[in-house]
Amino acid sequence: MDKLKPRFLSVDNHDTLIDYHVHSNYNDDAQGTVEECVRSAFAKGLTSIAITNHVWKTSSWIDNFVNEVKRVRARRGYHLLVGFEAKVINIDGEIDIATNYINEGELVLGALHHLPTKDDYVWLSDENLPSPRAAEIIRDATLSMISRGEVNVIAHPLALYHPRYAEPFPSNFLEELVYAASKRGVALEIHNSKHLLSQNPFMRLVTLCVKHKALMSIGSDAHNPSEIGDMNYKEILMTIQQQASGNREK
């Protein structure tokens, strides 16, 4: 069976109802089967979702999960993507998934869940870390993740920075990330319902994505089928449309 392609949002596509960050009962902290997730998405009028369960290099259930997703989408004829969410494990942007499974994913979310170091699974505490240093680590690890070519979405890219620090994430750093993602065809998750950005960071991120024609993804980060599609689609899509229109007029 051919791999499905994600229907990311972009300057030219800002009216698609997607949810590309969903967890199912393959994760211990989530509920709902793949079938129940699709049923919920379909009932809410979504055109495409990705089940993006947390994975680790030690995960033994991935084959069963991939096969179940393919069975459900074949039976339902729904645009359902095989997805994974893998955390970054070092400053070089390596993600926590066995190499042989990376190509199984149609949507691979790479996420910073901790501030990484050069050593695998050794994290920095942000308790007394100055904001410039934290921003630098986030930038470096994210750029490394993008350059490795193993992910096609950067999940909640600013979640480790906002709201921990009052200062805005450095504009030049953010533009570096968006530019690099655009060049590599990697989408940026501009909205995550569990890691909401305030208005200013959200607008800065969308504006830069439009400027550099970067792909954009959105997700509810649902851990229960009832949470799928829990987003203000009208506001998100309208913001992209307005920024895209303004950019064309310049």
Protein backbone atom coordinates (compact mmCIF):
# COMPACT_ATOMS: atom_id res chain seq x y z
CA MET A 1 0.00 0.00 0.00
CA ASP A 2 1.37 3.40 -0.99
CA LYS A 3 2.21 5.86 1.76
CA LEU A 4 -0.24 8.71 2.20
CA LYS A 5 1.00 12.27 2.08
CA PRO A 6 0.04 14.76 4.79
CA ARG A 7 -2.26 17.63 3.82
CA PHE A 8 -0.31 20.36 5.55
CA LEU A 9 -1.51 23.95 5.74
CA SER A 10 0.39 26.50 3.67
CA VAL A 11 0.18 29.86 1.94
CA ASP A 12 -1.85 28.15 -0.79
CA ASN A 13 -3.82 25.75 1.42
CA HIS A 14 -5.45 27.34 4.44
CA ASP A 15 -8.89 25.78 4.55
CA THR A 16 -8.23 22.10 5.33
CA LEU A 17 -9.60 20.64 8.58
CA ILE A 18 -6.79 18.45 9.89
CA ASP A 19 -5.63 17.17 13.26
CA TYR A 20 -2.05 15.95 13.03
CA HIS A 21 -1.34 15.30 16.70
CA VAL A 22 -3.50 12.51 18.14
CA HIS A 23 -2.70 9.72 20.58
CA SER A 24 -4.50 6.38 20.89
CA ASN A 25 -4.55 3.56 23.41
CA TYR A 26 -1.18 2.30 22.21
CA ASN A 27 0.09 4.91 24.68
CA ASP A 28 -0.57 4.24 28.37
CA ASP A 29 -1.69 7.82 29.02
CA ALA A 30 -4.23 7.83 26.17
CA GLN A 31 -7.62 6.25 25.54
CA GLY A 32 -9.47 5.19 22.40
CA THR A 33 -8.74 2.74 19.63
CA VAL A 34 -7.65 3.81 16.16
CA GLU A 35 -11.19 3.08 14.96
CA GLU A 36 -12.70 5.27 17.69
CA CYS A 37 -10.34 8.10 16.81
CA VAL A 38 -11.37 7.99 13.15
CA ARG A 39 -15.05 7.82 14.09
CA SER A 40 -14.70 10.97 16.21
CA ALA A 41 -12.75 12.84 13.52
CA PHE A 42 -15.26 11.93 10.82
CA ALA A 43 -18.21 12.99 12.98
CA LYS A 44 -16.58 16.40 13.48
CA GLY A 45 -16.03 16.94 9.77
CA LEU A 46 -12.24 16.60 9.76
CA THR A 47 -10.77 15.57 6.42
CA SER A 48 -7.50 14.08 7.66
CA ILE A 49 -5.90 13.02 10.94
CA ALA A 50 -2.66 11.42 12.02
CA ILE A 51 -2.41 9.05 14.97
CA THR A 52 0.93 10.11 16.42
CA ASN A 53 1.61 7.87 19.40
CA HIS A 54 4.66 8.48 21.57
CA VAL A 55 7.42 6.06 20.57
CA TRP A 56 10.73 5.03 22.07
CA LYS A 57 13.62 3.01 20.68
CA THR A 58 12.36 0.18 22.90
CA SER A 59 8.72 0.24 21.68
CA SER A 60 7.61 -3.28 20.73
CA TRP A 61 4.06 -2.50 19.53
CA ILE A 62 4.86 -0.43 16.43
CA ASP A 63 4.21 -3.18 13.85
CA ASN A 64 0.77 -3.88 15.33
CA PHE A 65 -0.05 -0.17 15.39
CA VAL A 66 1.01 0.43 11.77
CA ASN A 67 -1.00 -2.56 10.57
CA GLU A 68 -4.08 -1.44 12.50
CA VAL A 69 -3.96 2.07 11.04
CA LYS A 70 -3.70 0.66 7.51
CA ARG A 71 -6.60 -1.75 8.11
CA VAL A 72 -8.87 0.97 9.48
CA ARG A 73 -8.18 3.45 6.69
CA ALA A 74 -8.65 0.77 4.01
CA ARG A 75 -11.99 -0.22 5.52
CA ARG A 76 -13.22 3.35 6.01
CA GLY A 77 -11.61 5.04 3.00
CA TYR A 78 -10.47 7.85 5.29
CA HIS A 79 -7.29 9.95 5.01
CA LEU A 80 -5.68 8.50 8.13
CA LEU A 81 -1.92 8.77 8.54
CA VAL A 82 0.49 6.48 10.35
CA GLY A 83 2.24 8.81 12.77
CA PHE A 84 4.77 8.84 15.58
CA GLU A 85 5.83 11.41 18.15
CA ALA A 86 9.48 10.97 19.08
CA LYS A 87 11.39 13.17 21.48
CA VAL A 88 14.86 14.56 20.83
CA ILE A 89 17.44 12.68 22.92
CA ASN A 90 20.58 14.78 22.34
CA ILE A 91 21.74 18.16 21.04
CA ASP A 92 22.45 16.55 17.64
CA GLY A 93 18.71 16.21 17.06
CA GLU A 94 18.54 12.40 17.20
CA ILE A 95 15.02 11.18 17.98
CA ASP A 96 13.85 8.35 20.21
CA ILE A 97 12.75 5.80 17.63
CA ALA A 98 14.42 2.73 16.15
CA THR A 99 15.90 3.66 12.78
CA ASN A 100 14.07 0.90 10.91
CA TYR A 101 10.70 2.41 11.86
CA ILE A 102 11.30 5.98 10.72
CA ASN A 103 10.24 5.20 7.15
CA GLU A 104 7.06 3.50 8.40
CA GLY A 105 5.76 6.85 9.55
CA GLU A 106 3.79 9.02 7.16
CA LEU A 107 3.88 11.82 9.71
CA VAL A 108 6.78 11.87 12.16
CA LEU A 109 6.61 14.51 14.88
CA GLY A 110 9.95 15.46 16.38
CA ALA A 111 9.59 17.10 19.78
CA LEU A 112 11.74 18.72 22.41
CA HIS A 113 10.37 17.48 25.72
CA HIS A 114 13.53 18.42 27.65
CA LEU A 115 16.59 20.58 27.04
CA PRO A 116 19.09 18.11 25.57
CA THR A 117 22.86 17.80 26.00
CA LYS A 118 25.52 16.09 23.91
CA ASP A 119 24.84 12.85 25.83
CA ASP A 120 21.79 10.70 25.08
CA TYR A 121 18.92 11.09 27.57
CA VAL A 122 20.85 13.56 29.74
CA TRP A 123 18.81 16.71 30.24
CA LEU A 124 19.57 20.21 31.40
CA SER A 125 17.48 21.73 34.13
CA ASP A 126 15.90 25.03 33.11
CA GLU A 127 15.37 26.06 36.72
CA ASN A 128 18.25 28.55 36.77
CA LEU A 129 19.09 28.59 33.08
CA PRO A 130 19.15 32.10 31.56
CA SER A 131 16.68 32.59 28.73
CA PRO A 132 19.36 33.32 26.07
CA ARG A 133 21.03 29.98 26.80
CA ALA A 134 17.74 28.08 26.78
CA ALA A 135 16.80 29.69 23.45
CA GLU A 136 20.17 28.79 21.99
CA ILE A 137 19.80 25.12 22.98
CA ILE A 138 16.27 24.98 21.55
CA ARG A 139 17.47 26.54 18.30
CA ASP A 140 20.51 24.26 17.95
CA ALA A 141 18.67 21.03 18.73
CA THR A 142 15.76 21.92 16.43
CA LEU A 143 18.05 22.88 13.53
CA SER A 144 19.92 19.60 14.00
CA MET A 145 16.64 17.67 14.02
CA ILE A 146 15.54 19.36 10.80
CA SER A 147 18.85 18.71 9.06
CA ARG A 148 18.80 14.97 9.89
CA GLY A 149 15.76 14.48 7.63
CA GLU A 150 14.01 12.04 9.97
CA VAL A 151 10.94 14.13 10.86
CA ASN A 152 8.40 15.99 8.77
CA VAL A 153 6.86 18.03 11.61
CA ILE A 154 8.42 19.97 14.47
CA ALA A 155 5.92 19.55 17.30
CA HIS A 156 5.16 22.48 19.65
CA PRO A 157 8.44 24.21 18.67
CA LEU A 158 8.34 26.85 21.42
CA ALA A 159 6.81 24.79 24.25
CA LEU A 160 10.07 24.58 26.20
CA TYR A 161 10.47 28.34 26.08
CA HIS A 162 6.96 29.77 26.52
CA PRO A 163 5.67 30.34 29.17
CA ARG A 164 8.83 29.61 31.19
CA TYR A 165 10.48 32.88 30.16
CA ALA A 166 8.99 36.36 30.01
CA GLU A 167 11.31 37.51 27.20
CA PRO A 168 10.19 36.71 23.65
CA PHE A 169 12.01 33.88 21.90
CA PRO A 170 14.73 35.66 19.86
CA SER A 171 13.35 36.73 16.49
CA ASN A 172 16.52 35.82 14.60
CA PHE A 173 16.50 32.33 16.14
CA LEU A 174 12.84 31.80 15.25
CA GLU A 175 13.43 32.92 11.68
CA GLU A 176 16.37 30.54 11.40
CA LEU A 177 14.13 27.65 12.41
CA VAL A 178 11.32 28.58 10.02
CA TYR A 179 13.72 29.16 7.12
CA ALA A 180 15.48 25.82 7.68
CA ALA A 181 12.16 23.97 7.95
CA SER A 182 10.91 25.58 4.75
CA LYS A 183 14.02 24.58 2.82
CA ARG A 184 13.73 20.95 3.98
CA GLY A 185 9.95 20.67 3.53
CA VAL A 186 9.40 20.17 7.27
CA ALA A 187 6.17 21.52 8.75
CA LEU A 188 6.01 23.55 11.94
CA GLU A 189 3.20 22.87 14.40
CA ILE A 190 1.81 26.38 14.78
CA HIS A 191 -0.99 25.29 17.10
CA ASN A 192 -1.08 22.59 19.78
CA SER A 193 -4.10 22.60 22.07
CA LYS A 194 -2.08 21.27 25.03
CA HIS A 195 0.79 23.74 24.53
CA LEU A 196 -1.04 26.91 23.55
CA LEU A 197 1.00 29.89 22.46
CA SER A 198 -0.18 33.35 23.46
CA GLN A 199 -1.24 35.67 20.66
CA ASN A 200 2.11 37.35 20.04
CA PRO A 201 4.28 34.20 19.66
CA PHE A 202 1.52 32.57 17.59
CA MET A 203 1.34 35.53 15.21
CA ARG A 204 5.13 35.72 14.93
CA LEU A 205 5.31 32.05 14.03
CA VAL A 206 2.52 32.20 11.44
CA THR A 207 3.91 35.40 9.91
CA LEU A 208 7.33 33.82 9.43
CA CYS A 209 5.84 30.61 8.02
CA VAL A 210 3.93 32.66 5.46
CA LYS A 211 6.99 34.80 4.67
CA HIS A 212 9.19 31.76 4.00
CA LYS A 213 6.40 29.61 2.54
CA ALA A 214 6.91 27.02 5.26
CA LEU A 215 4.45 24.18 5.73
CA MET A 216 2.24 24.40 8.82
CA SER A 217 0.63 21.73 10.95
CA ILE A 218 -1.94 21.92 13.73
CA GLY A 219 -2.95 19.40 16.36
CA SER A 220 -5.18 18.90 19.36
CA ASP A 221 -2.65 16.61 21.09
CA ALA A 222 -5.74 14.55 21.91
CA HIS A 223 -5.36 11.71 24.40
CA ASN A 224 -9.03 10.77 24.10
CA PRO A 225 -11.22 10.57 20.96
CA SER A 226 -13.49 13.27 22.37
CA GLU A 227 -10.60 15.76 22.26
CA ILE A 228 -9.87 15.27 18.55
CA GLY A 229 -10.43 18.48 16.62
CA ASP A 230 -10.49 20.54 19.81
CA MET A 231 -9.22 23.67 18.07
CA ASN A 232 -10.57 27.01 16.91
CA TYR A 233 -10.22 26.19 13.21
CA LYS A 234 -11.90 29.40 12.09
CA GLU A 235 -9.42 31.60 13.94
CA ILE A 236 -6.34 29.56 12.97
CA LEU A 237 -7.20 29.28 9.29
CA MET A 238 -8.32 32.89 9.06
CA THR A 239 -5.00 34.04 10.55
CA ILE A 240 -3.07 32.10 7.91
CA GLN A 241 -5.32 33.47 5.15
CA GLN A 242 -4.94 37.07 6.35
CA GLN A 243 -1.17 36.78 6.63
CA ALA A 244 -0.98 35.16 3.21
CA SER A 245 -3.11 37.93 1.66
CA GLY A 246 -1.01 40.61 3.30
CA ASN A 247 2.17 38.99 2.11
CA ARG A 248 0.95 38.95 -1.51
CA GLU A 249 0.18 42.67 -1.35
CA LYS A 250 3.73 43.62 -0.34
